[in-house]
C-alpha atoms as a PDB file:
ATOM      1  CA  MET A   1     -15.755  -0.059  13.048  1.00  0.00           C
ATOM      2  CA  ILE A   2     -14.106  -3.152  14.398  1.00  0.00           C
ATOM      3  CA  LEU A   3     -12.278  -3.734  10.601  1.00  0.00           C
ATOM      4  CA  ALA A   4     -11.040  -0.074  11.140  1.00  0.00           C
ATOM      5  CA  LEU A   5      -9.772  -0.947  14.660  1.00  0.00           C
ATOM      6  CA  LEU A   6      -7.874  -4.183  13.568  1.00  0.00           C
ATOM      7  CA  LEU A   7      -6.609  -2.280  10.164  1.00  0.00           C
ATOM      8  CA  ALA A   8      -5.064   0.719  12.551  1.00  0.00           C
ATOM      9  CA  ALA A   9      -3.538  -2.049  15.079  1.00  0.00           C
ATOM     10  CA  ALA A  10      -1.981  -3.845  12.001  1.00  0.00           C
ATOM     11  CA  LEU A  11      -0.233  -0.544  10.976  1.00  0.00           C
ATOM     12  CA  VAL A  12       0.731   0.774  14.396  1.00  0.00           C
ATOM     13  CA  PRO A  13       4.067  -1.424  14.594  1.00  0.00           C
ATOM     14  CA  GLY A  14       5.182   0.312  11.396  1.00  0.00           C
ATOM     15  CA  ALA A  15       4.328   3.719  12.592  1.00  0.00           C
ATOM     16  CA  ALA A  16       5.584   3.479  16.017  1.00  0.00           C
ATOM     17  CA  THR A  17       8.791   2.251  14.430  1.00  0.00           C
ATOM     18  CA  ALA A  18       9.008   5.023  11.609  1.00  0.00           C
ATOM     19  CA  TRP A  19       8.266   7.827  14.191  1.00  0.00           C
ATOM     20  CA  THR A  20      10.928   6.502  16.473  1.00  0.00           C
ATOM     21  CA  LEU A  21      13.482   5.774  13.865  1.00  0.00           C
ATOM     22  CA  ARG A  22      13.148   9.554  12.680  1.00  0.00           C
ATOM     23  CA  HIS A  23      13.948  11.181  16.238  1.00  0.00           C
ATOM     24  CA  ARG A  24      15.833   8.567  18.169  1.00  0.00           C
ATOM     25  CA  GLY A  25      17.658   5.972  15.978  1.00  0.00           C
ATOM     26  CA  TRP A  26      17.874   2.346  14.877  1.00  0.00           C
ATOM     27  CA  ALA A  27      17.971   0.552  18.183  1.00  0.00           C
ATOM     28  CA  LEU A  28      15.183   2.445  20.025  1.00  0.00           C
ATOM     29  CA  ALA A  29      13.028   2.259  16.981  1.00  0.00           C
ATOM     30  CA  CYS A  30      13.386  -1.751  16.858  1.00  0.00           C
ATOM     31  CA  ALA A  31      12.631  -1.684  20.427  1.00  0.00           C
ATOM     32  CA  ALA A  32       9.480   0.438  20.057  1.00  0.00           C
ATOM     33  CA  GLY A  33       8.117  -1.654  17.001  1.00  0.00           C
ATOM     34  CA  ALA A  34       8.843  -5.000  18.823  1.00  0.00           C
ATOM     35  CA  ALA A  35       7.004  -3.896  21.953  1.00  0.00           C
ATOM     36  CA  VAL A  36       3.992  -2.853  20.041  1.00  0.00           C
ATOM     37  CA  THR A  37       3.986  -6.008  18.007  1.00  0.00           C
ATOM     38  CA  ILE A  38       3.797  -8.044  21.208  1.00  0.00           C
ATOM     39  CA  SER A  39       0.927  -5.745  22.578  1.00  0.00           C
ATOM     40  CA  LEU A  40      -1.269  -6.578  19.564  1.00  0.00           C
ATOM     41  CA  PRO A  41      -2.679 -10.030  20.753  1.00  0.00           C
ATOM     42  CA  GLY A  42      -3.693  -8.150  24.159  1.00  0.00           C
ATOM     43  CA  LEU A  43      -5.566  -5.626  21.721  1.00  0.00           C
ATOM     44  CA  ALA A  44      -7.346  -8.626  19.812  1.00  0.00           C
ATOM     45  CA  VAL A  45      -8.054 -10.306  22.976  1.00  0.00           C
ATOM     46  CA  SER A  46      -9.933  -7.029  24.318  1.00  0.00           C
ATOM     47  CA  VAL A  47     -11.779  -6.454  21.091  1.00  0.00           C
ATOM     48  CA  LEU A  48     -13.141 -10.122  21.188  1.00  0.00           C
ATOM     49  CA  VAL A  49     -14.380  -9.661  24.963  1.00  0.00           C
ATOM     50  CA  LEU A  50     -16.020  -6.221  23.967  1.00  0.00           C
ATOM     51  CA  PHE A  51     -17.733  -7.473  21.198  1.00  0.00           C
ATOM     52  CA  PRO A  52     -19.050 -11.306  21.832  1.00  0.00           C
ATOM     53  CA  PRO A  53     -20.215 -11.938  18.292  1.00  0.00           C
ATOM     54  CA  LEU A  54     -17.012 -11.173  16.886  1.00  0.00           C
ATOM     55  CA  GLY A  55     -15.249 -13.724  19.615  1.00  0.00           C
ATOM     56  CA  LEU A  56     -18.162 -16.426  18.249  1.00  0.00           C
ATOM     57  CA  ALA A  57     -17.142 -15.973  14.579  1.00  0.00           C
ATOM     58  CA  ALA A  58     -13.402 -16.198  15.399  1.00  0.00           C
ATOM     59  CA  ALA A  59     -14.056 -19.264  17.416  1.00  0.00           C
ATOM     60  CA  LEU A  60     -15.922 -21.019  14.485  1.00  0.00           C
ATOM     61  CA  ALA A  61     -12.962 -19.697  12.225  1.00  0.00           C
ATOM     62  CA  CYS A  62     -10.444 -21.364  14.447  1.00  0.00           C
ATOM     63  CA  THR A  63     -12.530 -24.646  14.832  1.00  0.00           C
ATOM     64  CA  ILE A  64     -12.827 -25.066  11.020  1.00  0.00           C
ATOM     65  CA  ALA A  65      -9.137 -24.205  10.639  1.00  0.00           C
ATOM     66  CA  ALA A  66      -8.146 -26.592  13.503  1.00  0.00           C
ATOM     67  CA  LEU A  67     -10.499 -29.593  11.811  1.00  0.00           C
ATOM     68  CA  ARG A  68      -8.829 -29.017   8.340  1.00  0.00           C
ATOM     69  CA  ALA A  69      -5.198 -29.001   9.924  1.00  0.00           C
ATOM     70  CA  TYR A  70      -6.097 -32.237  11.666  1.00  0.00           C
ATOM     71  CA  ASP A  71      -7.484 -33.846   8.756  1.00  0.00           C
ATOM     72  CA  ASP A  72      -4.061 -32.958   6.674  1.00  0.00           C
ATOM     73  CA  GLY A  73      -1.992 -34.336   9.489  1.00  0.00           C
ATOM     74  CA  ARG A  74      -0.537 -31.158  10.808  1.00  0.00           C
ATOM     75  CA  VAL A  75      -1.101 -31.652  14.745  1.00  0.00           C
ATOM     76  CA  TRP A  76       0.850 -28.974  15.931  1.00  0.00           C
ATOM     77  CA  ALA A  77      -1.032 -26.511  13.704  1.00  0.00           C
ATOM     78  CA  GLY A  78      -4.197 -28.018  14.532  1.00  0.00           C
ATOM     79  CA  THR A  79      -3.781 -27.731  18.222  1.00  0.00           C
ATOM     80  CA  ALA A  80      -2.537 -24.248  17.805  1.00  0.00           C
ATOM     81  CA  TRP A  81      -5.841 -23.226  16.024  1.00  0.00           C
ATOM     82  CA  THR A  82      -7.857 -25.360  18.887  1.00  0.00           C
ATOM     83  CA  ALA A  83      -6.129 -23.126  21.527  1.00  0.00           C
ATOM     84  CA  ALA A  84      -7.121 -20.103  19.725  1.00  0.00           C
ATOM     85  CA  ALA A  85     -10.742 -21.417  19.601  1.00  0.00           C
ATOM     86  CA  ALA A  86     -10.676 -22.026  23.065  1.00  0.00           C
ATOM     87  CA  LEU A  87      -9.405 -18.569  23.920  1.00  0.00           C
ATOM     88  CA  ALA A  88     -12.147 -16.906  21.401  1.00  0.00           C
ATOM     89  CA  PHE A  89     -14.744 -18.886  23.086  1.00  0.00           C
ATOM     90  CA  THR A  90     -13.782 -17.577  26.217  1.00  0.00           C
ATOM     91  CA  CYS A  91     -13.704 -14.173  25.271  1.00  0.00           C
ATOM     92  CA  ALA A  92     -17.103 -14.481  24.091  1.00  0.00           C
ATOM     93  CA  ALA A  93     -18.338 -16.043  27.366  1.00  0.00           C
ATOM     94  CA  VAL A  94     -19.112 -19.233  25.886  1.00  0.00           C
ATOM     95  CA  THR A  95     -18.646 -22.473  28.202  1.00  0.00           C
ATOM     96  CA  LEU A  96     -17.847 -25.527  26.890  1.00  0.00           C
END
């Protein structure tokens, strides 16, 4: 079910843009696609809050990716992965 929701969320920006383009024109279609794309992280966070085991899995995956990035010398990527891991741990109600 969670995979189906995430897949649907990934397809929503294109569908919103196509639907709006068909009826309203390019400018409004691009604005609609951008708005839907910007709202997707909020959807991901709410899914992590509603299903804590998914938050833990995402946090562990982000932690592993952060460690690999730091080992490769990519400090900015490692920092971004660390921030994502902290957000996922927070959504899963795990205090560090």
